[in-house]
Amino acid sequence: MAEPTPIRVLIADDHPLFRDGLAALLQKDSSIVVVGAAGNGSEAVELFQSLQPDVVLVDLRMPPEDGIAVVEDLRAVSPRARVIVLSAFDADDDVLRAIQAGAAGYLLKMSSPSELAQAILTVHRGQTALPPGVATKLASHVSRPRLTGRQEEVLQLIARGMTNQEIGQELHIVEGTVKAHVKSILEKLGARDRTQALCIALERGLVRAN
């Protein structure tokens, strides 16, 4: 009987020591293979597109943009991206922001190797991996159609008259990612174009009139 194909994992963390240590730890599990490691958000998106990993591990605190923005960018590029946010904190607000951004899991950095491996397996299966006690609390929030933090940033810059290229330069993301965010914004607002989206956003108080 053939061995099951290992789960391909990409790690995104700005600390080389933690990043390399995590990779070495995961490589000890025969069901997991680390295919790449990124030190920032832009590199994570580039590697995701080229390597097509099954699961991405993203550090919550990763300058110049936090892990939440990275999750949003990954999900904009591929809505099917399966991302687990790693953090040293379990604050409800951080967990909520991560799930709203599209993360499929949220795990503390102090978790055991077996817990991390189980979370990767769970997310790879299309399920959600969350700390105990938060799933029910988050359910009502996740079900609401709303703009993510990154999408709100893009919308504000659209309101300032910026082009997709200018928005990309401002947020340090590629133009293709900006286009993906704009598409999601239009779908969530039920708008046919940027002009109608701005009108709807103004009515809802999502952007400020200049």
C-alpha atoms as a PDB file:
ATOM      1  CA  MET A   1       0.000   0.000   0.000  1.00  0.00           C
ATOM      2  CA  ALA A   2       1.390   3.384  -1.062  1.00  0.00           C
ATOM      3  CA  GLU A   3       2.320   5.912   1.601  1.00  0.00           C
ATOM      4  CA  PRO A   4      -0.041   8.923   1.794  1.00  0.00           C
ATOM      5  CA  THR A   5       1.245  12.110   0.171  1.00  0.00           C
ATOM      6  CA  PRO A   6       2.773  14.429   2.809  1.00  0.00           C
ATOM      7  CA  ILE A   7       1.011  17.713   3.559  1.00  0.00           C
ATOM      8  CA  ARG A   8       3.022  20.526   1.941  1.00  0.00           C
ATOM      9  CA  VAL A   9       3.549  23.426   4.344  1.00  0.00           C
ATOM     10  CA  LEU A  10       4.826  26.975   3.851  1.00  0.00           C
ATOM     11  CA  ILE A  11       6.075  28.923   6.901  1.00  0.00           C
ATOM     12  CA  ALA A  12       5.932  32.735   7.139  1.00  0.00           C
ATOM     13  CA  ASP A  13       7.732  34.274  10.110  1.00  0.00           C
ATOM     14  CA  ASP A  14      10.159  37.199  10.348  1.00  0.00           C
ATOM     15  CA  HIS A  15      12.369  35.527  12.978  1.00  0.00           C
ATOM     16  CA  PRO A  16      14.890  33.193  11.260  1.00  0.00           C
ATOM     17  CA  LEU A  17      15.577  31.219  14.434  1.00  0.00           C
ATOM     18  CA  PHE A  18      11.905  30.429  15.070  1.00  0.00           C
ATOM     19  CA  ARG A  19      11.252  29.858  11.367  1.00  0.00           C
ATOM     20  CA  ASP A  20      14.119  27.395  10.979  1.00  0.00           C
ATOM     21  CA  GLY A  21      13.330  25.698  14.285  1.00  0.00           C
ATOM     22  CA  LEU A  22       9.699  25.231  13.310  1.00  0.00           C
ATOM     23  CA  ALA A  23      10.697  23.807   9.949  1.00  0.00           C
ATOM     24  CA  ALA A  24      13.084  21.339  11.591  1.00  0.00           C
ATOM     25  CA  LEU A  25      10.378  20.323  14.054  1.00  0.00           C
ATOM     26  CA  LEU A  26       7.774  19.717  11.356  1.00  0.00           C
ATOM     27  CA  GLN A  27      10.190  17.751   9.187  1.00  0.00           C
ATOM     28  CA  LYS A  28      10.331  15.108  11.920  1.00  0.00           C
ATOM     29  CA  ASP A  29       6.719  14.232  11.092  1.00  0.00           C
ATOM     30  CA  SER A  30       6.601  11.992   8.029  1.00  0.00           C
ATOM     31  CA  SER A  31       3.111  13.240   7.163  1.00  0.00           C
ATOM     32  CA  ILE A  32       4.370  16.812   6.705  1.00  0.00           C
ATOM     33  CA  VAL A  33       6.959  18.363   4.392  1.00  0.00           C
ATOM     34  CA  VAL A  34       8.052  22.020   4.597  1.00  0.00           C
ATOM     35  CA  VAL A  35       8.299  23.306   1.015  1.00  0.00           C
ATOM     36  CA  GLY A  36       9.319  26.891   1.754  1.00  0.00           C
ATOM     37  CA  ALA A  37       9.856  29.649   4.308  1.00  0.00           C
ATOM     38  CA  ALA A  38       9.182  33.392   4.025  1.00  0.00           C
ATOM     39  CA  GLY A  39      10.409  36.280   6.163  1.00  0.00           C
ATOM     40  CA  ASN A  40       7.686  38.783   5.260  1.00  0.00           C
ATOM     41  CA  GLY A  41       4.235  39.068   3.748  1.00  0.00           C
ATOM     42  CA  SER A  42       5.218  39.851   0.159  1.00  0.00           C
ATOM     43  CA  GLU A  43       7.614  36.907   0.073  1.00  0.00           C
ATOM     44  CA  ALA A  44       4.909  34.673   1.558  1.00  0.00           C
ATOM     45  CA  VAL A  45       2.465  35.563  -1.224  1.00  0.00           C
ATOM     46  CA  GLU A  46       5.120  35.044  -3.917  1.00  0.00           C
ATOM     47  CA  LEU A  47       6.146  31.653  -2.525  1.00  0.00           C
ATOM     48  CA  PHE A  48       2.514  30.634  -2.111  1.00  0.00           C
ATOM     49  CA  GLN A  49       1.848  31.323  -5.783  1.00  0.00           C
ATOM     50  CA  SER A  50       4.950  29.479  -6.972  1.00  0.00           C
ATOM     51  CA  LEU A  51       4.921  26.532  -4.544  1.00  0.00           C
ATOM     52  CA  GLN A  52       1.158  26.025  -4.077  1.00  0.00           C
ATOM     53  CA  PRO A  53       1.441  24.590  -0.530  1.00  0.00           C
ATOM     54  CA  ASP A  54      -1.450  22.783   1.124  1.00  0.00           C
ATOM     55  CA  VAL A  55      -1.219  24.790   4.369  1.00  0.00           C
ATOM     56  CA  VAL A  56       0.464  28.093   5.271  1.00  0.00           C
ATOM     57  CA  LEU A  57       1.638  28.935   8.811  1.00  0.00           C
ATOM     58  CA  VAL A  58       1.673  32.718   9.362  1.00  0.00           C
ATOM     59  CA  ASP A  59       3.078  34.607  12.343  1.00  0.00           C
ATOM     60  CA  LEU A  60       0.551  37.094  13.766  1.00  0.00           C
ATOM     61  CA  ARG A  61       3.236  39.718  14.476  1.00  0.00           C
ATOM     62  CA  MET A  62       5.253  40.025  11.289  1.00  0.00           C
ATOM     63  CA  PRO A  63       6.375  43.529  10.256  1.00  0.00           C
ATOM     64  CA  PRO A  64       6.079  45.559   8.115  1.00  0.00           C
ATOM     65  CA  GLU A  65       2.495  44.254   7.938  1.00  0.00           C
ATOM     66  CA  ASP A  66       0.900  41.999  10.530  1.00  0.00           C
ATOM     67  CA  GLY A  67      -0.069  38.411   9.902  1.00  0.00           C
ATOM     68  CA  ILE A  68      -3.738  39.317   9.484  1.00  0.00           C
ATOM     69  CA  ALA A  69      -2.924  41.383   6.397  1.00  0.00           C
ATOM     70  CA  VAL A  70      -0.856  38.489   5.053  1.00  0.00           C
ATOM     71  CA  VAL A  71      -3.798  36.122   5.520  1.00  0.00           C
ATOM     72  CA  GLU A  72      -6.024  38.541   3.631  1.00  0.00           C
ATOM     73  CA  ASP A  73      -3.526  38.829   0.783  1.00  0.00           C
ATOM     74  CA  LEU A  74      -3.183  35.056   0.519  1.00  0.00           C
ATOM     75  CA  ARG A  75      -6.948  34.597   0.497  1.00  0.00           C
ATOM     76  CA  ALA A  76      -7.309  37.347  -2.117  1.00  0.00           C
ATOM     77  CA  VAL A  77      -4.873  35.508  -4.368  1.00  0.00           C
ATOM     78  CA  SER A  78      -6.563  32.166  -3.689  1.00  0.00           C
ATOM     79  CA  PRO A  79      -9.847  31.958  -1.746  1.00  0.00           C
ATOM     80  CA  ARG A  80      -9.055  28.279  -1.141  1.00  0.00           C
ATOM     81  CA  ALA A  81      -5.789  29.058   0.674  1.00  0.00           C
ATOM     82  CA  ARG A  82      -5.650  27.243   4.015  1.00  0.00           C
ATOM     83  CA  VAL A  83      -3.872  29.365   6.590  1.00  0.00           C
ATOM     84  CA  ILE A  84      -3.075  28.858  10.269  1.00  0.00           C
ATOM     85  CA  VAL A  85      -2.111  31.929  12.288  1.00  0.00           C
ATOM     86  CA  LEU A  86       0.553  31.396  14.961  1.00  0.00           C
ATOM     87  CA  SER A  87       0.656  33.751  17.935  1.00  0.00           C
ATOM     88  CA  ALA A  88       2.099  34.093  21.412  1.00  0.00           C
ATOM     89  CA  PHE A  89      -1.292  35.444  22.553  1.00  0.00           C
ATOM     90  CA  ASP A  90      -4.827  34.073  22.635  1.00  0.00           C
ATOM     91  CA  ALA A  91      -6.707  37.388  22.892  1.00  0.00           C
ATOM     92  CA  ASP A  92     -10.267  37.066  21.588  1.00  0.00           C
ATOM     93  CA  ASP A  93      -9.789  40.114  19.361  1.00  0.00           C
ATOM     94  CA  ASP A  94      -6.767  38.575  17.629  1.00  0.00           C
ATOM     95  CA  VAL A  95      -8.589  35.301  17.068  1.00  0.00           C
ATOM     96  CA  LEU A  96     -11.637  37.114  15.689  1.00  0.00           C
ATOM     97  CA  ARG A  97      -9.543  39.232  13.315  1.00  0.00           C
ATOM     98  CA  ALA A  98      -7.725  36.149  12.068  1.00  0.00           C
ATOM     99  CA  ILE A  99     -10.917  34.233  11.332  1.00  0.00           C
ATOM    100  CA  GLN A 100     -12.568  37.249   9.715  1.00  0.00           C
ATOM    101  CA  ALA A 101      -9.506  37.573   7.475  1.00  0.00           C
ATOM    102  CA  GLY A 102     -10.035  33.995   6.326  1.00  0.00           C
ATOM    103  CA  ALA A 103      -7.673  31.971   8.509  1.00  0.00           C
ATOM    104  CA  ALA A 104      -8.713  28.354   8.998  1.00  0.00           C
ATOM    105  CA  GLY A 105      -6.810  27.990  12.234  1.00  0.00           C
ATOM    106  CA  TYR A 106      -5.272  29.884  15.147  1.00  0.00           C
ATOM    107  CA  LEU A 107      -2.622  28.292  17.314  1.00  0.00           C
ATOM    108  CA  LEU A 108      -0.425  29.449  20.173  1.00  0.00           C
ATOM    109  CA  LYS A 109       3.336  29.248  19.674  1.00  0.00           C
ATOM    110  CA  MET A 110       3.585  27.393  22.981  1.00  0.00           C
ATOM    111  CA  SER A 111       1.537  24.513  21.571  1.00  0.00           C
ATOM    112  CA  SER A 112       3.122  21.074  21.525  1.00  0.00           C
ATOM    113  CA  PRO A 113       4.471  19.538  18.286  1.00  0.00           C
ATOM    114  CA  SER A 114       1.588  17.065  18.276  1.00  0.00           C
ATOM    115  CA  GLU A 115      -0.970  19.877  18.624  1.00  0.00           C
ATOM    116  CA  LEU A 116       0.607  21.756  15.728  1.00  0.00           C
ATOM    117  CA  ALA A 117       0.693  18.635  13.554  1.00  0.00           C
ATOM    118  CA  GLN A 118      -2.956  17.915  14.389  1.00  0.00           C
ATOM    119  CA  ALA A 119      -3.945  21.496  13.524  1.00  0.00           C
ATOM    120  CA  ILE A 120      -2.191  21.221  10.151  1.00  0.00           C
ATOM    121  CA  LEU A 121      -3.969  17.918   9.461  1.00  0.00           C
ATOM    122  CA  THR A 122      -7.335  19.385  10.521  1.00  0.00           C
ATOM    123  CA  VAL A 123      -6.986  22.461   8.311  1.00  0.00           C
ATOM    124  CA  HIS A 124      -5.741  20.343   5.399  1.00  0.00           C
ATOM    125  CA  ARG A 125      -8.964  18.342   5.667  1.00  0.00           C
ATOM    126  CA  GLY A 126     -10.947  21.539   5.177  1.00  0.00           C
ATOM    127  CA  GLN A 127     -11.880  21.957   8.832  1.00  0.00           C
ATOM    128  CA  THR A 128     -11.153  24.735  11.331  1.00  0.00           C
ATOM    129  CA  ALA A 129      -8.521  24.470  14.080  1.00  0.00           C
ATOM    130  CA  LEU A 130      -9.161  26.888  16.959  1.00  0.00           C
ATOM    131  CA  PRO A 131      -8.257  27.144  20.660  1.00  0.00           C
ATOM    132  CA  PRO A 132     -10.880  25.556  22.954  1.00  0.00           C
ATOM    133  CA  GLY A 133     -13.892  27.682  23.789  1.00  0.00           C
ATOM    134  CA  VAL A 134     -13.761  30.242  20.966  1.00  0.00           C
ATOM    135  CA  ALA A 135     -15.498  28.477  18.051  1.00  0.00           C
ATOM    136  CA  THR A 136     -19.043  29.120  19.278  1.00  0.00           C
ATOM    137  CA  LYS A 137     -18.257  32.701  20.209  1.00  0.00           C
ATOM    138  CA  LEU A 138     -16.884  33.402  16.737  1.00  0.00           C
ATOM    139  CA  ALA A 139     -19.586  31.664  14.716  1.00  0.00           C
ATOM    140  CA  SER A 140     -22.016  34.589  14.585  1.00  0.00           C
ATOM    141  CA  HIS A 141     -19.277  37.042  13.616  1.00  0.00           C
ATOM    142  CA  VAL A 142     -17.833  34.900  10.851  1.00  0.00           C
ATOM    143  CA  SER A 143     -21.204  34.445   9.173  1.00  0.00           C
ATOM    144  CA  ARG A 144     -21.688  38.183   8.641  1.00  0.00           C
ATOM    145  CA  PRO A 145     -20.622  39.481   5.215  1.00  0.00           C
ATOM    146  CA  ARG A 146     -18.217  42.290   6.006  1.00  0.00           C
ATOM    147  CA  LEU A 147     -15.036  43.805   4.680  1.00  0.00           C
ATOM    148  CA  THR A 148     -11.756  42.621   6.126  1.00  0.00           C
ATOM    149  CA  GLY A 149      -9.247  45.082   7.515  1.00  0.00           C
ATOM    150  CA  ARG A 150      -7.166  44.930   4.329  1.00  0.00           C
ATOM    151  CA  GLN A 151     -10.244  45.476   2.169  1.00  0.00           C
ATOM    152  CA  GLU A 152     -11.162  48.525   4.260  1.00  0.00           C
ATOM    153  CA  GLU A 153      -7.653  49.895   3.655  1.00  0.00           C
ATOM    154  CA  VAL A 154      -8.019  49.366  -0.091  1.00  0.00           C
ATOM    155  CA  LEU A 155     -11.461  51.002  -0.066  1.00  0.00           C
ATOM    156  CA  GLN A 156     -10.119  54.070   1.752  1.00  0.00           C
ATOM    157  CA  LEU A 157      -7.384  54.446  -0.858  1.00  0.00           C
ATOM    158  CA  ILE A 158      -9.902  54.038  -3.680  1.00  0.00           C
ATOM    159  CA  ALA A 159     -11.852  56.872  -2.063  1.00  0.00           C
ATOM    160  CA  ARG A 160      -8.687  58.988  -2.303  1.00  0.00           C
ATOM    161  CA  GLY A 161      -8.670  58.435  -6.045  1.00  0.00           C
ATOM    162  CA  MET A 162      -5.731  56.058  -6.166  1.00  0.00           C
ATOM    163  CA  THR A 163      -5.244  53.570  -9.002  1.00  0.00           C
ATOM    164  CA  ASN A 164      -4.610  49.887  -8.341  1.00  0.00           C
ATOM    165  CA  GLN A 165      -0.913  50.440  -9.005  1.00  0.00           C
ATOM    166  CA  GLU A 166      -0.759  53.343  -6.540  1.00  0.00           C
ATOM    167  CA  ILE A 167      -2.659  51.329  -3.916  1.00  0.00           C
ATOM    168  CA  GLY A 168      -0.196  48.478  -4.353  1.00  0.00           C
ATOM    169  CA  GLN A 169       2.732  50.821  -3.798  1.00  0.00           C
ATOM    170  CA  GLU A 170       1.078  52.347  -0.735  1.00  0.00           C
ATOM    171  CA  LEU A 171       0.336  48.952   0.870  1.00  0.00           C
ATOM    172  CA  HIS A 172       3.481  47.203  -0.418  1.00  0.00           C
ATOM    173  CA  ILE A 173       1.561  44.536  -2.319  1.00  0.00           C
ATOM    174  CA  VAL A 174       1.528  43.655  -6.018  1.00  0.00           C
ATOM    175  CA  GLU A 175      -1.132  45.107  -8.332  1.00  0.00           C
ATOM    176  CA  GLY A 176      -2.664  41.680  -8.924  1.00  0.00           C
ATOM    177  CA  THR A 177      -3.373  41.351  -5.201  1.00  0.00           C
ATOM    178  CA  VAL A 178      -5.006  44.793  -5.195  1.00  0.00           C
ATOM    179  CA  LYS A 179      -7.260  43.745  -8.090  1.00  0.00           C
ATOM    180  CA  ALA A 180      -8.277  40.642  -6.145  1.00  0.00           C
ATOM    181  CA  HIS A 181      -9.166  42.779  -3.107  1.00  0.00           C
ATOM    182  CA  VAL A 182     -11.177  45.196  -5.280  1.00  0.00           C
ATOM    183  CA  LYS A 183     -13.099  42.269  -6.787  1.00  0.00           C
ATOM    184  CA  SER A 184     -13.958  40.981  -3.293  1.00  0.00           C
ATOM    185  CA  ILE A 185     -15.025  44.467  -2.188  1.00  0.00           C
ATOM    186  CA  LEU A 186     -17.392  44.824  -5.144  1.00  0.00           C
ATOM    187  CA  GLU A 187     -18.894  41.388  -4.457  1.00  0.00           C
ATOM    188  CA  LYS A 188     -19.409  42.048  -0.748  1.00  0.00           C
ATOM    189  CA  LEU A 189     -20.956  45.466  -1.347  1.00  0.00           C
ATOM    190  CA  GLY A 190     -23.044  44.246  -4.279  1.00  0.00           C
ATOM    191  CA  ALA A 191     -21.542  46.923  -6.509  1.00  0.00           C
ATOM    192  CA  ARG A 192     -20.965  46.727 -10.261  1.00  0.00           C
ATOM    193  CA  ASP A 193     -17.933  49.034 -10.298  1.00  0.00           C
ATOM    194  CA  ARG A 194     -15.660  51.181  -8.112  1.00  0.00           C
ATOM    195  CA  THR A 195     -17.905  54.246  -8.371  1.00  0.00           C
ATOM    196  CA  GLN A 196     -20.979  52.399  -7.122  1.00  0.00           C
ATOM    197  CA  ALA A 197     -18.889  50.749  -4.418  1.00  0.00           C
ATOM    198  CA  LEU A 198     -17.829  54.189  -3.146  1.00  0.00           C
ATOM    199  CA  CYS A 199     -21.441  55.400  -3.126  1.00  0.00           C
ATOM    200  CA  ILE A 200     -22.514  52.358  -1.098  1.00  0.00           C
ATOM    201  CA  ALA A 201     -19.524  52.730   1.214  1.00  0.00           C
ATOM    202  CA  LEU A 202     -20.359  56.393   1.848  1.00  0.00           C
ATOM    203  CA  GLU A 203     -23.975  55.516   2.656  1.00  0.00           C
ATOM    204  CA  ARG A 204     -22.820  52.883   5.141  1.00  0.00           C
ATOM    205  CA  GLY A 205     -20.165  55.090   6.664  1.00  0.00           C
ATOM    206  CA  LEU A 206     -17.365  52.773   5.544  1.00  0.00           C
ATOM    207  CA  VAL A 207     -15.359  55.659   4.087  1.00  0.00           C
ATOM    208  CA  ARG A 208     -15.104  59.340   4.862  1.00  0.00           C
ATOM    209  CA  ALA A 209     -16.155  61.925   2.322  1.00  0.00           C
ATOM    210  CA  ASN A 210     -13.277  64.243   1.400  1.00  0.00           C
END
